[in-house]
């Protein structure tokens, strides 16, 4: 099996190293990831300057390839230029921090999986809800491996995308798995106003994934309750219900 592994935390991030170690016996794993952190870049792509790729080694061990671009860039470049054979599955993660609700739209981790889906390849995004109480990414990788292996046995359809979020708990405290939908409301976020040493004001966005909303069946509710959340996603953003409604509006006479 040909597996492409990427992320948005960067090729040196602990999450991608832990996941590579856990899944390397499932097939041939090719790692192509940003050479620096690209969290929150969403589905950006690079066309204003050239992309450069270099082989990355740590302690004389080859990790993979680092790219001076976004997670979506990495997927494109890996599939078109790096891999000799097309991937059977593209995996993005493990992201340090959950990607649920509207954060899915900002996430470079999910964007990499979306890019693979657009290109027609099955993909999986994996995120770990870290907290002050629990940050063991190695354990999260073991959990992720089990979920990924089970998914692979079901032979994902071409272009399908699953978004996995693992709660911030030891494996023996995770209650199970829930198949969920995306949480559709905003999270509580604020800007913290600060003043730099020169007396000039600046702002820092702060917030929390712990929404005050409790909506059964959603991704955020599942991880808040101690379950792994698996959400099938698609990149078609068409509002089909509203589409049918505005088709019935009077559009005559605007152009002739």
Protein backbone atom coordinates (compact mmCIF):
# COMPACT_ATOMS: atom_id res chain seq x y z
CA UNK A 1 0.00 0.00 0.00
CA UNK A 2 1.23 3.47 -0.94
CA UNK A 3 0.65 5.97 1.88
CA UNK A 4 1.30 9.71 1.65
CA UNK A 5 1.75 11.32 5.09
CA UNK A 6 1.66 15.09 5.56
CA UNK A 7 0.61 17.70 8.13
CA UNK A 8 0.46 21.43 8.86
CA UNK A 9 2.59 21.51 12.03
CA UNK A 10 5.74 21.00 9.96
CA UNK A 11 7.94 18.04 9.15
CA UNK A 12 9.77 18.29 12.49
CA UNK A 13 6.54 18.14 14.55
CA UNK A 14 6.17 15.28 17.05
CA UNK A 15 2.73 14.33 15.72
CA UNK A 16 3.87 13.36 12.23
CA UNK A 17 6.88 11.45 13.59
CA UNK A 18 4.69 9.49 16.03
CA UNK A 19 2.14 8.62 13.35
CA UNK A 20 4.78 7.59 10.82
CA UNK A 21 6.30 5.22 13.36
CA UNK A 22 2.90 3.68 14.10
CA UNK A 23 1.73 3.13 10.50
CA UNK A 24 4.98 2.28 8.72
CA UNK A 25 4.14 -1.43 8.71
CA UNK A 26 0.85 -0.78 6.87
CA UNK A 27 2.63 0.07 3.62
CA UNK A 28 5.25 2.27 2.01
CA UNK A 29 4.99 5.64 3.79
CA UNK A 30 6.18 8.75 1.94
CA UNK A 31 6.40 11.89 4.09
CA UNK A 32 6.07 15.26 2.38
CA UNK A 33 5.27 18.13 4.74
CA UNK A 34 5.88 21.87 5.20
CA UNK A 35 9.40 22.73 6.30
CA UNK A 36 7.98 25.14 8.91
CA UNK A 37 4.71 25.26 10.83
CA UNK A 38 1.70 26.17 8.67
CA UNK A 39 -1.10 25.97 11.22
CA UNK A 40 -4.22 27.95 10.34
CA UNK A 41 -3.28 28.58 6.70
CA UNK A 42 -6.42 26.84 5.48
CA UNK A 43 -6.48 25.72 1.86
CA UNK A 44 -3.93 28.20 0.55
CA UNK A 45 -1.73 27.28 -2.41
CA UNK A 46 1.48 28.88 -3.67
CA UNK A 47 1.73 30.40 -7.14
CA UNK A 48 3.59 33.68 -6.54
CA UNK A 49 6.98 32.08 -5.86
CA UNK A 50 8.66 28.74 -6.60
CA UNK A 51 8.30 25.72 -4.37
CA UNK A 52 11.49 24.10 -3.16
CA UNK A 53 11.78 20.62 -1.74
CA UNK A 54 14.61 19.10 0.26
CA UNK A 55 15.28 15.81 1.95
CA UNK A 56 15.10 16.07 5.74
CA UNK A 57 17.18 14.00 8.15
CA UNK A 58 17.36 14.04 11.93
CA UNK A 59 20.17 12.21 13.72
CA UNK A 60 21.16 10.58 10.42
CA UNK A 61 17.64 9.18 10.00
CA UNK A 62 15.73 10.12 6.88
CA UNK A 63 12.33 11.59 7.77
CA UNK A 64 10.99 12.61 4.38
CA UNK A 65 10.76 15.77 2.31
CA UNK A 66 10.28 19.34 3.51
CA UNK A 67 8.54 21.88 1.28
CA UNK A 68 8.54 25.67 1.59
CA UNK A 69 4.81 25.79 1.02
CA UNK A 70 1.39 25.03 2.43
CA UNK A 71 -0.05 21.62 3.31
CA UNK A 72 -2.09 21.66 0.08
CA UNK A 73 1.12 22.43 -1.85
CA UNK A 74 2.75 19.41 -0.25
CA UNK A 75 -0.01 17.08 -1.40
CA UNK A 76 0.10 18.38 -4.96
CA UNK A 77 3.88 18.22 -5.16
CA UNK A 78 4.07 14.78 -3.55
CA UNK A 79 1.56 13.20 -5.92
CA UNK A 80 2.72 14.89 -9.11
CA UNK A 81 6.49 14.93 -8.57
CA UNK A 82 7.74 12.92 -5.60
CA UNK A 83 5.91 9.61 -5.43
CA UNK A 84 6.70 7.01 -8.09
CA UNK A 85 3.26 5.44 -7.58
CA UNK A 86 0.04 7.24 -6.73
CA UNK A 87 -1.08 6.95 -3.10
CA UNK A 88 -3.75 4.50 -2.04
CA UNK A 89 -4.53 6.82 0.86
CA UNK A 90 -3.38 10.27 2.02
CA UNK A 91 -3.12 10.85 5.77
CA UNK A 92 -2.69 14.31 7.32
CA UNK A 93 -1.61 14.54 10.95
CA UNK A 94 -1.34 14.04 13.77
CA UNK A 95 -2.28 17.66 14.40
CA UNK A 96 -1.63 18.93 17.91
CA UNK A 97 -5.03 20.37 18.73
CA UNK A 98 -8.51 19.36 17.62
CA UNK A 99 -9.99 20.35 14.26
CA UNK A 100 -13.74 20.48 14.78
CA UNK A 101 -16.57 22.83 13.85
CA UNK A 102 -15.63 26.00 12.01
CA UNK A 103 -11.95 25.37 12.78
CA UNK A 104 -12.10 22.82 9.97
CA UNK A 105 -12.24 25.75 7.55
CA UNK A 106 -9.03 27.25 8.94
CA UNK A 107 -7.11 24.03 9.36
CA UNK A 108 -4.11 23.26 7.18
CA UNK A 109 -4.33 19.66 8.41
CA UNK A 110 -7.82 19.22 7.00
CA UNK A 111 -6.93 21.26 3.89
CA UNK A 112 -4.22 18.75 2.97
CA UNK A 113 -6.79 15.95 3.15
CA UNK A 114 -9.28 18.03 1.18
CA UNK A 115 -6.69 18.62 -1.54
CA UNK A 116 -6.15 14.88 -1.83
CA UNK A 117 -9.92 14.40 -2.04
CA UNK A 118 -10.17 16.99 -4.82
CA UNK A 119 -7.48 15.07 -6.70
CA UNK A 120 -9.54 11.90 -6.35
CA UNK A 121 -7.62 10.12 -3.60
CA UNK A 122 -9.14 8.82 -0.35
CA UNK A 123 -7.86 10.81 2.61
CA UNK A 124 -7.88 10.95 6.39
CA UNK A 125 -7.20 13.95 8.65
CA UNK A 126 -6.15 13.14 12.23
CA UNK A 127 -6.10 15.61 15.13
CA UNK A 128 -5.45 15.23 18.85
CA UNK A 129 -7.20 17.46 21.38
CA UNK A 130 -4.28 18.24 23.67
CA UNK A 131 -4.86 19.77 27.11
CA UNK A 132 -2.91 20.80 30.19
CA UNK A 133 -3.81 17.45 31.74
CA UNK A 134 -2.84 15.14 28.86
CA UNK A 135 -0.44 15.64 25.94
CA UNK A 136 0.86 12.13 25.16
CA UNK A 137 1.04 12.14 21.36
CA UNK A 138 2.59 8.65 21.30
CA UNK A 139 -0.55 7.20 22.87
CA UNK A 140 -2.70 9.24 20.52
CA UNK A 141 -0.73 7.80 17.59
CA UNK A 142 -1.42 4.26 18.80
CA UNK A 143 -5.12 5.05 18.93
CA UNK A 144 -4.96 6.69 15.50
CA UNK A 145 -3.23 3.66 14.02
CA UNK A 146 -6.06 1.39 15.19
CA UNK A 147 -8.69 3.67 13.68
CA UNK A 148 -6.76 4.10 10.40
CA UNK A 149 -6.20 0.35 10.05
CA UNK A 150 -9.92 -0.31 10.52
CA UNK A 151 -10.79 2.38 7.95
CA UNK A 152 -8.36 0.98 5.39
CA UNK A 153 -9.92 -2.49 5.63
CA UNK A 154 -13.19 -0.97 4.39
CA UNK A 155 -11.48 0.34 1.21
CA UNK A 156 -12.33 4.03 1.17
CA UNK A 157 -13.99 5.24 -2.05
CA UNK A 158 -11.96 7.51 -4.34
CA UNK A 159 -12.14 11.12 -3.21
CA UNK A 160 -13.63 10.32 0.20
CA UNK A 161 -12.46 12.21 3.30
CA UNK A 162 -12.74 11.36 6.97
CA UNK A 163 -11.88 13.86 9.71
CA UNK A 164 -10.77 12.13 12.93
CA UNK A 165 -10.47 13.87 16.29
CA UNK A 166 -9.04 12.08 19.33
CA UNK A 167 -9.97 13.40 22.80
CA UNK A 168 -7.35 14.46 25.31
CA UNK A 169 -7.50 11.24 27.33
CA UNK A 170 -5.39 8.13 27.93
CA UNK A 171 -6.51 5.32 25.57
CA UNK A 172 -8.13 3.31 28.39
CA UNK A 173 -10.35 6.28 29.24
CA UNK A 174 -11.65 6.90 25.72
CA UNK A 175 -15.28 5.76 25.65
CA UNK A 176 -15.43 4.69 22.02
CA UNK A 177 -16.06 6.09 18.56
CA UNK A 178 -18.90 8.26 17.30
CA UNK A 179 -19.65 9.03 13.66
CA UNK A 180 -20.48 12.71 13.75
CA UNK A 181 -21.39 15.79 11.76
CA UNK A 182 -19.53 19.09 11.77
CA UNK A 183 -20.47 21.49 14.57
CA UNK A 184 -22.00 24.44 12.71
CA UNK A 185 -21.80 27.23 15.30
CA UNK A 186 -19.08 29.67 16.24
CA UNK A 187 -16.76 29.12 19.18
CA UNK A 188 -16.13 31.64 21.92
CA UNK A 189 -13.17 33.69 20.75
CA UNK A 190 -11.77 37.05 21.86
CA UNK A 191 -8.84 39.33 21.15
CA UNK A 192 -6.46 40.14 23.98
CA UNK A 193 -5.26 43.74 23.77
CA UNK A 194 -1.60 44.25 24.65
CA UNK A 195 0.96 47.03 24.47
CA UNK A 196 4.49 46.48 23.17
CA UNK A 197 7.66 48.05 24.72
CA UNK A 198 7.29 51.01 22.33
CA UNK A 199 3.84 51.79 23.63
CA UNK A 200 2.04 50.58 20.52
CA UNK A 201 -1.10 48.47 20.78
CA UNK A 202 -1.37 44.99 19.28
CA UNK A 203 -3.90 42.18 19.50
CA UNK A 204 -3.64 38.43 20.05
CA UNK A 205 -6.50 36.11 19.11
CA UNK A 206 -7.43 33.75 21.93
CA UNK A 207 -10.28 31.32 22.28
CA UNK A 208 -11.32 27.82 23.15
CA UNK A 209 -12.68 24.72 21.46
CA UNK A 210 -14.82 24.07 24.53
CA UNK A 211 -18.01 25.52 23.11
CA UNK A 212 -20.90 26.43 25.39
CA UNK A 213 -23.18 24.66 22.90
CA UNK A 214 -24.00 21.00 23.47
CA UNK A 215 -25.39 19.63 20.22
CA UNK A 216 -25.82 15.87 20.11
CA UNK A 217 -24.21 14.16 17.13
CA UNK A 218 -21.57 16.82 16.48
CA UNK A 219 -17.80 16.43 16.39
CA UNK A 220 -17.12 18.79 19.28
CA UNK A 221 -19.77 17.19 21.48
CA UNK A 222 -18.23 13.76 20.89
CA UNK A 223 -14.72 14.71 21.99
CA UNK A 224 -16.07 16.78 24.89
CA UNK A 225 -17.77 13.59 26.10
CA UNK A 226 -14.62 11.50 25.69
CA UNK A 227 -15.30 9.83 22.34
CA UNK A 228 -13.24 9.71 19.15
CA UNK A 229 -15.08 11.70 16.50
CA UNK A 230 -15.10 10.61 12.84
CA UNK A 231 -16.76 13.04 10.45
CA UNK A 232 -17.13 12.44 6.71
CA UNK A 233 -16.43 15.73 4.89
CA UNK A 234 -16.74 17.03 1.34
CA UNK A 235 -15.42 20.13 -0.36
CA UNK A 236 -18.63 21.02 -2.24
CA UNK A 237 -19.86 24.05 -0.25
CA UNK A 238 -23.08 24.51 -2.26
CA UNK A 239 -26.12 25.26 -0.09
CA UNK A 240 -28.54 23.07 -2.04
CA UNK A 241 -31.56 24.07 0.04
CA UNK A 242 -30.99 27.79 -0.54
CA UNK A 243 -30.11 27.08 -4.20
CA UNK A 244 -33.63 25.76 -4.80
CA UNK A 245 -35.16 28.75 -3.01
CA UNK A 246 -33.36 31.46 -4.98
CA UNK A 247 -34.12 29.66 -8.24
CA UNK A 248 -37.71 30.74 -7.62
CA UNK A 249 -36.90 34.44 -7.24
CA UNK A 250 -37.81 36.88 -10.03
CA UNK A 251 -34.61 37.48 -12.02
CA UNK A 252 -36.25 38.95 -15.12
CA UNK A 253 -35.37 42.38 -16.46
CA UNK A 254 -31.91 42.71 -14.91
CA UNK A 255 -30.11 42.04 -18.19
CA UNK A 256 -31.44 42.30 -21.71
